[in-house]
Amino acid sequence: MHEPAGLRPLATFFRGNQVELPSTVDDIRAALPAGRREEFEGELARFIGHWALECRPDIRDADRATFERLEQGDTSGFTAAEDLDS
């Protein structure tokens, strides 16, 4: 496994032995069985999307305000999806 500068390797103990774990996205991807990679990629996309929005609190706060309006029943300014097809 390779590690970027400043990143410490991950390790745990298993049956009394210290075992090194993959510590980068590429290493995790490579170590996963093929059947789990698609699930990993989906989780990774959600994780990155969440933290990308944290970089733009103005967008995050506007989205939150929109959902709060909808939860209160205020649908002004919205168009029903079926109206877009006509």
PDB file of N, CA and C in Angstrom:
ATOM      1  N   MET A   1       0.837  -1.190   0.000  1.00  0.00           N
ATOM      2  CA  MET A   1       0.000   0.000   0.000  1.00  0.00           C
ATOM      3  C   MET A   1       0.874   1.242   0.000  1.00  0.00           C
ATOM      4  N   HIS A   2       0.449   2.240  -0.746  1.00  0.00           N
ATOM      5  CA  HIS A   2       1.163   3.512  -0.725  1.00  0.00           C
ATOM      6  C   HIS A   2       0.390   4.483   0.137  1.00  0.00           C
ATOM      7  N   GLU A   3       1.064   5.481   0.632  1.00  0.00           N
ATOM      8  CA  GLU A   3       0.369   6.481   1.437  1.00  0.00           C
ATOM      9  C   GLU A   3       0.844   7.867   1.067  1.00  0.00           C
ATOM     10  N   PRO A   4      -0.095   8.811   0.881  1.00  0.00           N
ATOM     11  CA  PRO A   4       0.278  10.189   0.604  1.00  0.00           C
ATOM     12  C   PRO A   4       1.038  10.772   1.785  1.00  0.00           C
ATOM     13  N   ALA A   5       1.826  11.780   1.502  1.00  0.00           N
ATOM     14  CA  ALA A   5       2.616  12.429   2.555  1.00  0.00           C
ATOM     15  C   ALA A   5       1.702  12.880   3.686  1.00  0.00           C
ATOM     16  N   GLY A   6       2.075  12.563   4.911  1.00  0.00           N
ATOM     17  CA  GLY A   6       1.332  12.989   6.080  1.00  0.00           C
ATOM     18  C   GLY A   6       0.206  12.058   6.488  1.00  0.00           C
ATOM     19  N   LEU A   7      -0.131  11.069   5.679  1.00  0.00           N
ATOM     20  CA  LEU A   7      -1.196  10.148   6.026  1.00  0.00           C
ATOM     21  C   LEU A   7      -0.608   8.921   6.692  1.00  0.00           C
ATOM     22  N   ARG A   8      -1.049   8.670   7.909  1.00  0.00           N
ATOM     23  CA  ARG A   8      -0.553   7.505   8.646  1.00  0.00           C
ATOM     24  C   ARG A   8      -1.305   6.267   8.212  1.00  0.00           C
ATOM     25  N   PRO A   9      -0.635   5.133   8.149  1.00  0.00           N
ATOM     26  CA  PRO A   9      -1.338   3.898   7.796  1.00  0.00           C
ATOM     27  C   PRO A   9      -2.360   3.539   8.871  1.00  0.00           C
ATOM     28  N   LEU A  10      -3.424   2.892   8.449  1.00  0.00           N
ATOM     29  CA  LEU A  10      -4.452   2.437   9.376  1.00  0.00           C
ATOM     30  C   LEU A  10      -4.114   1.010   9.796  1.00  0.00           C
ATOM     31  N   ALA A  11      -4.420   0.688  11.032  1.00  0.00           N
ATOM     32  CA  ALA A  11      -4.146  -0.660  11.521  1.00  0.00           C
ATOM     33  C   ALA A  11      -5.169  -1.019  12.581  1.00  0.00           C
ATOM     34  N   THR A  12      -5.355  -2.302  12.760  1.00  0.00           N
ATOM     35  CA  THR A  12      -6.213  -2.826  13.814  1.00  0.00           C
ATOM     36  C   THR A  12      -5.583  -4.111  14.321  1.00  0.00           C
ATOM     37  N   PHE A  13      -6.155  -4.648  15.371  1.00  0.00           N
ATOM     38  CA  PHE A  13      -5.660  -5.923  15.889  1.00  0.00           C
ATOM     39  C   PHE A  13      -6.675  -7.000  15.560  1.00  0.00           C
ATOM     40  N   PHE A  14      -6.193  -8.125  15.081  1.00  0.00           N
ATOM     41  CA  PHE A  14      -7.021  -9.265  14.754  1.00  0.00           C
ATOM     42  C   PHE A  14      -6.333 -10.519  15.262  1.00  0.00           C
ATOM     43  N   ARG A  15      -7.014 -11.187  16.209  1.00  0.00           N
ATOM     44  CA  ARG A  15      -6.475 -12.407  16.816  1.00  0.00           C
ATOM     45  C   ARG A  15      -5.061 -12.202  17.369  1.00  0.00           C
ATOM     46  N   GLY A  16      -4.905 -11.070  18.037  1.00  0.00           N
ATOM     47  CA  GLY A  16      -3.640 -10.785  18.702  1.00  0.00           C
ATOM     48  C   GLY A  16      -2.544 -10.230  17.820  1.00  0.00           C
ATOM     49  N   ASN A  17      -2.805 -10.063  16.544  1.00  0.00           N
ATOM     50  CA  ASN A  17      -1.792  -9.536  15.622  1.00  0.00           C
ATOM     51  C   ASN A  17      -2.231  -8.191  15.071  1.00  0.00           C
ATOM     52  N   GLN A  18      -1.290  -7.276  14.925  1.00  0.00           N
ATOM     53  CA  GLN A  18      -1.598  -6.007  14.290  1.00  0.00           C
ATOM     54  C   GLN A  18      -1.664  -6.227  12.781  1.00  0.00           C
ATOM     55  N   VAL A  19      -2.745  -5.743  12.178  1.00  0.00           N
ATOM     56  CA  VAL A  19      -2.981  -5.913  10.752  1.00  0.00           C
ATOM     57  C   VAL A  19      -3.115  -4.538  10.120  1.00  0.00           C
ATOM     58  N   GLU A  20      -2.392  -4.274   9.040  1.00  0.00           N
ATOM     59  CA  GLU A  20      -2.494  -3.001   8.329  1.00  0.00           C
ATOM     60  C   GLU A  20      -3.721  -3.027   7.432  1.00  0.00           C
ATOM     61  N   LEU A  21      -4.418  -1.906   7.390  1.00  0.00           N
ATOM     62  CA  LEU A  21      -5.614  -1.755   6.569  1.00  0.00           C
ATOM     63  C   LEU A  21      -5.341  -0.757   5.453  1.00  0.00           C
ATOM     64  N   PRO A  22      -6.064  -0.855   4.340  1.00  0.00           N
ATOM     65  CA  PRO A  22      -5.889   0.136   3.279  1.00  0.00           C
ATOM     66  C   PRO A  22      -6.263   1.523   3.809  1.00  0.00           C
ATOM     67  N   SER A  23      -5.491   2.531   3.429  1.00  0.00           N
ATOM     68  CA  SER A  23      -5.716   3.854   4.006  1.00  0.00           C
ATOM     69  C   SER A  23      -5.962   4.946   2.968  1.00  0.00           C
ATOM     70  N   THR A  24      -6.118   4.574   1.714  1.00  0.00           N
ATOM     71  CA  THR A  24      -6.469   5.556   0.686  1.00  0.00           C
ATOM     72  C   THR A  24      -7.644   5.003  -0.113  1.00  0.00           C
ATOM     73  N   VAL A  25      -8.328   5.878  -0.817  1.00  0.00           N
ATOM     74  CA  VAL A  25      -9.455   5.448  -1.641  1.00  0.00           C
ATOM     75  C   VAL A  25      -8.992   4.417  -2.665  1.00  0.00           C
ATOM     76  N   ASP A  26      -7.874   4.688  -3.331  1.00  0.00           N
ATOM     77  CA  ASP A  26      -7.367   3.740  -4.338  1.00  0.00           C
ATOM     78  C   ASP A  26      -7.026   2.393  -3.727  1.00  0.00           C
ATOM     79  N   ASP A  27      -6.424   2.395  -2.546  1.00  0.00           N
ATOM     80  CA  ASP A  27      -6.066   1.131  -1.899  1.00  0.00           C
ATOM     81  C   ASP A  27      -7.299   0.355  -1.454  1.00  0.00           C
ATOM     82  N   ILE A  28      -8.303   1.058  -0.942  1.00  0.00           N
ATOM     83  CA  ILE A  28      -9.542   0.386  -0.549  1.00  0.00           C
ATOM     84  C   ILE A  28     -10.211  -0.209  -1.781  1.00  0.00           C
ATOM     85  N   ARG A  29     -10.305   0.584  -2.841  1.00  0.00           N
ATOM     86  CA  ARG A  29     -10.920   0.114  -4.078  1.00  0.00           C
ATOM     87  C   ARG A  29     -10.227  -1.157  -4.572  1.00  0.00           C
ATOM     88  N   ALA A  30      -8.904  -1.163  -4.559  1.00  0.00           N
ATOM     89  CA  ALA A  30      -8.143  -2.313  -5.043  1.00  0.00           C
ATOM     90  C   ALA A  30      -8.308  -3.533  -4.138  1.00  0.00           C
ATOM     91  N   ALA A  31      -8.496  -3.326  -2.839  1.00  0.00           N
ATOM     92  CA  ALA A  31      -8.576  -4.440  -1.898  1.00  0.00           C
ATOM     93  C   ALA A  31      -9.959  -5.067  -1.818  1.00  0.00           C
ATOM     94  N   LEU A  32     -10.978  -4.346  -2.262  1.00  0.00           N
ATOM     95  CA  LEU A  32     -12.345  -4.869  -2.178  1.00  0.00           C
ATOM     96  C   LEU A  32     -12.576  -5.967  -3.211  1.00  0.00           C
ATOM     97  N   PRO A  33     -13.401  -6.950  -2.851  1.00  0.00           N
ATOM     98  CA  PRO A  33     -13.813  -7.928  -3.863  1.00  0.00           C
ATOM     99  C   PRO A  33     -14.617  -7.211  -4.949  1.00  0.00           C
ATOM    100  N   ALA A  34     -14.534  -7.680  -6.159  1.00  0.00           N
ATOM    101  CA  ALA A  34     -15.197  -7.023  -7.296  1.00  0.00           C
ATOM    102  C   ALA A  34     -16.675  -6.763  -7.024  1.00  0.00           C
ATOM    103  N   GLY A  35     -17.351  -7.674  -6.355  1.00  0.00           N
ATOM    104  CA  GLY A  35     -18.774  -7.530  -6.080  1.00  0.00           C
ATOM    105  C   GLY A  35     -19.125  -6.399  -5.129  1.00  0.00           C
ATOM    106  N   ARG A  36     -18.176  -5.848  -4.421  1.00  0.00           N
ATOM    107  CA  ARG A  36     -18.440  -4.768  -3.461  1.00  0.00           C
ATOM    108  C   ARG A  36     -18.019  -3.406  -3.987  1.00  0.00           C
ATOM    109  N   ARG A  37     -17.310  -3.353  -5.105  1.00  0.00           N
ATOM    110  CA  ARG A  37     -16.783  -2.072  -5.600  1.00  0.00           C
ATOM    111  C   ARG A  37     -17.880  -1.094  -6.007  1.00  0.00           C
ATOM    112  N   GLU A  38     -18.947  -1.597  -6.621  1.00  0.00           N
ATOM    113  CA  GLU A  38     -20.037  -0.715  -7.033  1.00  0.00           C
ATOM    114  C   GLU A  38     -20.681  -0.065  -5.812  1.00  0.00           C
ATOM    115  N   GLU A  39     -20.898  -0.834  -4.769  1.00  0.00           N
ATOM    116  CA  GLU A  39     -21.449  -0.294  -3.528  1.00  0.00           C
ATOM    117  C   GLU A  39     -20.514   0.770  -2.947  1.00  0.00           C
ATOM    118  N   PHE A  40     -19.215   0.478  -2.951  1.00  0.00           N
ATOM    119  CA  PHE A  40     -18.216   1.422  -2.450  1.00  0.00           C
ATOM    120  C   PHE A  40     -18.272   2.726  -3.247  1.00  0.00           C
ATOM    121  N   GLU A  41     -18.336   2.617  -4.572  1.00  0.00           N
ATOM    122  CA  GLU A  41     -18.359   3.824  -5.410  1.00  0.00           C
ATOM    123  C   GLU A  41     -19.591   4.670  -5.121  1.00  0.00           C
ATOM    124  N   GLY A  42     -20.737   4.025  -4.885  1.00  0.00           N
ATOM    125  CA  GLY A  42     -21.949   4.766  -4.553  1.00  0.00           C
ATOM    126  C   GLY A  42     -21.824   5.498  -3.226  1.00  0.00           C
ATOM    127  N   GLU A  43     -21.281   4.801  -2.225  1.00  0.00           N
ATOM    128  CA  GLU A  43     -21.075   5.428  -0.909  1.00  0.00           C
ATOM    129  C   GLU A  43     -20.061   6.557  -1.003  1.00  0.00           C
ATOM    130  N   LEU A  44     -19.023   6.355  -1.782  1.00  0.00           N
ATOM    131  CA  LEU A  44     -17.991   7.380  -1.955  1.00  0.00           C
ATOM    132  C   LEU A  44     -18.581   8.629  -2.609  1.00  0.00           C
ATOM    133  N   ALA A  45     -19.431   8.438  -3.618  1.00  0.00           N
ATOM    134  CA  ALA A  45     -20.065   9.580  -4.290  1.00  0.00           C
ATOM    135  C   ALA A  45     -20.935  10.367  -3.316  1.00  0.00           C
ATOM    136  N   ARG A  46     -21.706   9.659  -2.463  1.00  0.00           N
ATOM    137  CA  ARG A  46     -22.530  10.360  -1.473  1.00  0.00           C
ATOM    138  C   ARG A  46     -21.662  11.114  -0.470  1.00  0.00           C
ATOM    139  N   PHE A  47     -20.592  10.491  -0.029  1.00  0.00           N
ATOM    140  CA  PHE A  47     -19.674  11.108   0.926  1.00  0.00           C
ATOM    141  C   PHE A  47     -19.066  12.382   0.337  1.00  0.00           C
ATOM    142  N   ILE A  48     -18.564  12.281  -0.875  1.00  0.00           N
ATOM    143  CA  ILE A  48     -17.925  13.434  -1.520  1.00  0.00           C
ATOM    144  C   ILE A  48     -18.955  14.525  -1.775  1.00  0.00           C
ATOM    145  N   GLY A  49     -20.158  14.132  -2.207  1.00  0.00           N
ATOM    146  CA  GLY A  49     -21.204  15.130  -2.442  1.00  0.00           C
ATOM    147  C   GLY A  49     -21.547  15.897  -1.176  1.00  0.00           C
ATOM    148  N   HIS A  50     -21.650  15.180  -0.068  1.00  0.00           N
ATOM    149  CA  HIS A  50     -21.939  15.842   1.212  1.00  0.00           C
ATOM    150  C   HIS A  50     -20.861  16.858   1.551  1.00  0.00           C
ATOM    151  N   TRP A  51     -19.609  16.454   1.488  1.00  0.00           N
ATOM    152  CA  TRP A  51     -18.520  17.339   1.889  1.00  0.00           C
ATOM    153  C   TRP A  51     -18.265  18.437   0.866  1.00  0.00           C
ATOM    154  N   ALA A  52     -18.586  18.179  -0.401  1.00  0.00           N
ATOM    155  CA  ALA A  52     -18.465  19.240  -1.408  1.00  0.00           C
ATOM    156  C   ALA A  52     -19.448  20.361  -1.090  1.00  0.00           C
ATOM    157  N   LEU A  53     -20.677  20.000  -0.692  1.00  0.00           N
ATOM    158  CA  LEU A  53     -21.647  21.032  -0.321  1.00  0.00           C
ATOM    159  C   LEU A  53     -21.226  21.788   0.932  1.00  0.00           C
ATOM    160  N   GLU A  54     -20.505  21.128   1.823  1.00  0.00           N
ATOM    161  CA  GLU A  54     -20.018  21.824   3.017  1.00  0.00           C
ATOM    162  C   GLU A  54     -19.043  22.939   2.644  1.00  0.00           C
ATOM    163  N   CYS A  55     -18.445  22.846   1.475  1.00  0.00           N
ATOM    164  CA  CYS A  55     -17.536  23.903   1.000  1.00  0.00           C
ATOM    165  C   CYS A  55     -18.306  25.132   0.538  1.00  0.00           C
ATOM    166  N   ARG A  56     -19.615  24.976   0.301  1.00  0.00           N
ATOM    167  CA  ARG A  56     -20.459  26.079  -0.144  1.00  0.00           C
ATOM    168  C   ARG A  56     -21.667  26.203   0.779  1.00  0.00           C
ATOM    169  N   PRO A  57     -21.464  26.764   1.981  1.00  0.00           N
ATOM    170  CA  PRO A  57     -22.583  26.871   2.926  1.00  0.00           C
ATOM    171  C   PRO A  57     -23.742  27.698   2.386  1.00  0.00           C
ATOM    172  N   ASP A  58     -23.496  28.605   1.449  1.00  0.00           N
ATOM    173  CA  ASP A  58     -24.595  29.385   0.877  1.00  0.00           C
ATOM    174  C   ASP A  58     -25.567  28.482   0.121  1.00  0.00           C
ATOM    175  N   ILE A  59     -25.041  27.529  -0.645  1.00  0.00           N
ATOM    176  CA  ILE A  59     -25.901  26.593  -1.377  1.00  0.00           C
ATOM    177  C   ILE A  59     -26.590  25.647  -0.398  1.00  0.00           C
ATOM    178  N   ARG A  60     -25.825  25.113   0.547  1.00  0.00           N
ATOM    179  CA  ARG A  60     -26.379  24.191   1.551  1.00  0.00           C
ATOM    180  C   ARG A  60     -27.524  24.857   2.311  1.00  0.00           C
ATOM    181  N   ASP A  61     -27.332  26.107   2.740  1.00  0.00           N
ATOM    182  CA  ASP A  61     -28.361  26.810   3.501  1.00  0.00           C
ATOM    183  C   ASP A  61     -29.592  27.107   2.648  1.00  0.00           C
ATOM    184  N   ALA A  62     -29.395  27.437   1.371  1.00  0.00           N
ATOM    185  CA  ALA A  62     -30.523  27.682   0.471  1.00  0.00           C
ATOM    186  C   ALA A  62     -31.316  26.392   0.264  1.00  0.00           C
ATOM    187  N   ASP A  63     -30.623  25.263   0.092  1.00  0.00           N
ATOM    188  CA  ASP A  63     -31.307  23.975  -0.044  1.00  0.00           C
ATOM    189  C   ASP A  63     -32.108  23.659   1.212  1.00  0.00           C
ATOM    190  N   ARG A  64     -31.508  23.878   2.363  1.00  0.00           N
ATOM    191  CA  ARG A  64     -32.193  23.597   3.631  1.00  0.00           C
ATOM    192  C   ARG A  64     -33.448  24.459   3.746  1.00  0.00           C
ATOM    193  N   ALA A  65     -33.336  25.727   3.378  1.00  0.00           N
ATOM    194  CA  ALA A  65     -34.490  26.631   3.456  1.00  0.00           C
ATOM    195  C   ALA A  65     -35.598  26.178   2.505  1.00  0.00           C
ATOM    196  N   THR A  66     -35.220  25.701   1.330  1.00  0.00           N
ATOM    197  CA  THR A  66     -36.213  25.205   0.370  1.00  0.00           C
ATOM    198  C   THR A  66     -36.966  24.013   0.944  1.00  0.00           C
ATOM    199  N   PHE A  67     -36.247  23.058   1.516  1.00  0.00           N
ATOM    200  CA  PHE A  67     -36.902  21.883   2.093  1.00  0.00           C
ATOM    201  C   PHE A  67     -37.773  22.260   3.284  1.00  0.00           C
ATOM    202  N   GLU A  68     -37.347  23.227   4.070  1.00  0.00           N
ATOM    203  CA  GLU A  68     -38.170  23.677   5.195  1.00  0.00           C
ATOM    204  C   GLU A  68     -39.486  24.280   4.695  1.00  0.00           C
ATOM    205  N   ARG A  69     -39.404  25.072   3.613  1.00  0.00           N
ATOM    206  CA  ARG A  69     -40.624  25.639   3.018  1.00  0.00           C
ATOM    207  C   ARG A  69     -41.559  24.537   2.560  1.00  0.00           C
ATOM    208  N   LEU A  70     -41.002  23.522   1.873  1.00  0.00           N
ATOM    209  CA  LEU A  70     -41.824  22.423   1.381  1.00  0.00           C
ATOM    210  C   LEU A  70     -42.461  21.651   2.528  1.00  0.00           C
ATOM    211  N   GLU A  71     -41.695  21.415   3.583  1.00  0.00           N
ATOM    212  CA  GLU A  71     -42.233  20.704   4.743  1.00  0.00           C
ATOM    213  C   GLU A  71     -43.386  21.456   5.385  1.00  0.00           C
ATOM    214  N   GLN A  72     -43.389  22.788   5.260  1.00  0.00           N
ATOM    215  CA  GLN A  72     -44.470  23.609   5.816  1.00  0.00           C
ATOM    216  C   GLN A  72     -45.639  23.743   4.838  1.00  0.00           C
ATOM    217  N   GLY A  73     -45.504  23.083   3.677  1.00  0.00           N
ATOM    218  CA  GLY A  73     -46.592  23.099   2.703  1.00  0.00           C
ATOM    219  C   GLY A  73     -46.531  24.223   1.692  1.00  0.00           C
ATOM    220  N   ASP A  74     -45.498  25.017   1.700  1.00  0.00           N
ATOM    221  CA  ASP A  74     -45.350  26.124   0.752  1.00  0.00           C
ATOM    222  C   ASP A  74     -44.717  25.597  -0.536  1.00  0.00           C
ATOM    223  N   THR A  75     -45.542  25.417  -1.566  1.00  0.00           N
ATOM    224  CA  THR A  75     -45.028  24.930  -2.853  1.00  0.00           C
ATOM    225  C   THR A  75     -44.973  26.036  -3.904  1.00  0.00           C
ATOM    226  N   SER A  76     -45.088  27.296  -3.477  1.00  0.00           N
ATOM    227  CA  SER A  76     -45.044  28.401  -4.436  1.00  0.00           C
ATOM    228  C   SER A  76     -43.687  28.425  -5.135  1.00  0.00           C
ATOM    229  N   GLY A  77     -43.743  28.665  -6.435  1.00  0.00           N
ATOM    230  CA  GLY A  77     -42.516  28.716  -7.219  1.00  0.00           C
ATOM    231  C   GLY A  77     -42.080  27.371  -7.760  1.00  0.00           C
ATOM    232  N   PHE A  78     -42.814  26.308  -7.450  1.00  0.00           N
ATOM    233  CA  PHE A  78     -42.475  24.962  -7.939  1.00  0.00           C
ATOM    234  C   PHE A  78     -43.422  24.577  -9.058  1.00  0.00           C
ATOM    235  N   THR A  79     -42.948  23.767  -9.979  1.00  0.00           N
ATOM    236  CA  THR A  79     -43.751  23.252 -11.071  1.00  0.00           C
ATOM    237  C   THR A  79     -43.805  21.749 -10.963  1.00  0.00           C
ATOM    238  N   ALA A  80     -44.988  21.180 -11.096  1.00  0.00           N
ATOM    239  CA  ALA A  80     -45.124  19.728 -11.044  1.00  0.00           C
ATOM    240  C   ALA A  80     -44.385  19.118 -12.237  1.00  0.00           C
ATOM    241  N   ALA A  81     -43.724  17.990 -12.021  1.00  0.00           N
ATOM    242  CA  ALA A  81     -42.915  17.352 -13.058  1.00  0.00           C
ATOM    243  C   ALA A  81     -43.747  17.011 -14.282  1.00  0.00           C
ATOM    244  N   GLU A  82     -44.988  16.582 -14.103  1.00  0.00           N
ATOM    245  CA  GLU A  82     -45.805  16.208 -15.260  1.00  0.00           C
ATOM    246  C   GLU A  82     -46.111  17.406 -16.149  1.00  0.00           C
ATOM    247  N   ASP A  83     -46.100  18.629 -15.619  1.00  0.00           N
ATOM    248  CA  ASP A  83     -46.327  19.826 -16.415  1.00  0.00           C
ATOM    249  C   ASP A  83     -45.167  20.118 -17.352  1.00  0.00           C
ATOM    250  N   LEU A  84     -43.977  19.617 -17.068  1.00  0.00           N
ATOM    251  CA  LEU A  84     -42.802  19.872 -17.884  1.00  0.00           C
ATOM    252  C   LEU A  84     -42.841  19.112 -19.199  1.00  0.00           C
ATOM    253  N   ASP A  85     -43.572  18.002 -19.245  1.00  0.00           N
ATOM    254  CA  ASP A  85     -43.611  17.172 -20.445  1.00  0.00           C
ATOM    255  C   ASP A  85     -44.578  17.704 -21.504  1.00  0.00           C
ATOM    256  N   SER A  86     -45.464  18.592 -21.137  1.00  0.00           N
ATOM    257  CA  SER A  86     -46.472  19.061 -22.100  1.00  0.00           C
ATOM    258  C   SER A  86     -45.993  20.214 -22.931  1.00  0.00           C
TER     259      SER A  86
END
